[in-house]
Amino acid sequence: MNQIYFSLQVRCSQERHLSINFISITRGEQLSPIRGSDGLSPLAVEEFNSLNPDRHVIAVDTADPTKLLARLSLWWRRVPGIPGKRLGVIGHYAAGKDQIGKSILEHAVTLLAEQGCTLAIGPMDRDTWHRYRLVTDCGDAPPFFMEPRNPVDWPNHFKGAGFTELATYQSAIDTDLDFIDPRINALEQRFKSQGLRVRSLDPQQFDRELNAIYRLTVQAFSDSYLYTPILESEFKQLYKSIGHLITPQLVLIAERDNEPIGYIFGMPDLEQAQPGHKADTAIIKTIGVINDRTVAGCGAYLIHLWRQEARRLGFARIIHALMHDENHKILNVSNRYAQTFRRYTLFGHVIEP
């Protein structure tokens, strides 16, 4: 049975006082009676079962306990690590009104404190392999494929509940695909002398290619901020779910002595792809290179080759997507080509003992 953890009254703007119950969901089927309201939808049972939160919490109207007012999930067992901190993760966040959002977030912090967590972070659906961050500076450009999106007031929900910026990110747009970085010639000569070869993904060997990309990813990102190990089977499932959307020429793999040492994964902006209208923008989603000084500059070289391939395929613009502001290696390369047009934030809340 659902368990009511807390009940309170909030005042939403000039509306009447609203009595709210916070209810814990422990099994996916308990979500079935819950109905959405004000543009909110209950968490899908499949999503609940897939990411298996340690607790899912919903806010409902006391007068109508099936009416969803806000929701979030909590993880404290399988979470990313930050030295000296015990993390609690808040994800699957949605709330219709600011005061209700603030209240459920404050309640989430209390619950995480009871589990011994010293830092709450969010929004993050368990880990960085899944949806995380909020758009905090929208800019003028429309959303692109697989980009986080949220109502503009959600960042204020977190700030109102005592959260502050933990990490910031940006996306940038490259509109001059004719430009070639003059430093590329030296890189190209060095890599050719090393026998480095760059090829596109082989769709006929998709499973084998995913094996190689998984191994590269583990090596390339093991020291990245908030990195969480993932099983190879989970990794392959994530990519296989979008395999039919992949353009093989936009996935490049660098090899030396027949061993993969780096890759760049991109795809068309499918938000643009409508019947009779081909996308003219491509997206760089991920760049991974092994940690080896002998291949320093491989990421920049891959971006150069990928830009050339995107241009050959007829794309007019390139989005450098969702770059961590502290990832100076990638930003130093991106800044040669692109200008920031959107910003995102991951929030944190220190939990006092």
Foldseek 3Di string as FASTA:
>chain_A
DKDFDDWDWDDFVPDDIFIKTKIKDQALVVLVLAQEDLPDGTDHSVLCVVLVAPIKIFIDTPVDRNYTAWIWGKHQPQFFDDPPWREIEIEPTDGNTLVVLLVVVLVVLVVVVVVVGFKYWFDDSRAPVDDTWEWAAQFDDDDFPPDDYDPNCVVVSCVSNPKDFDFKWFKWKFQCLVDDDPVLVVLVVLCVVQVKDKDWDDLVPVVVVLVQVLVQCCQFPVPPPRDGDDDSVVSVVSCVVCVVQADRLLWMFMDGPNHTFKIWGKGFRCVQDDVVTDGQEIETDDITGGPDVSNPCVSLNNVNVSSVSSVVVRHRMYMDPTGIPPPVSVVVSCVVGTDTRTMTGMIMHGDDD
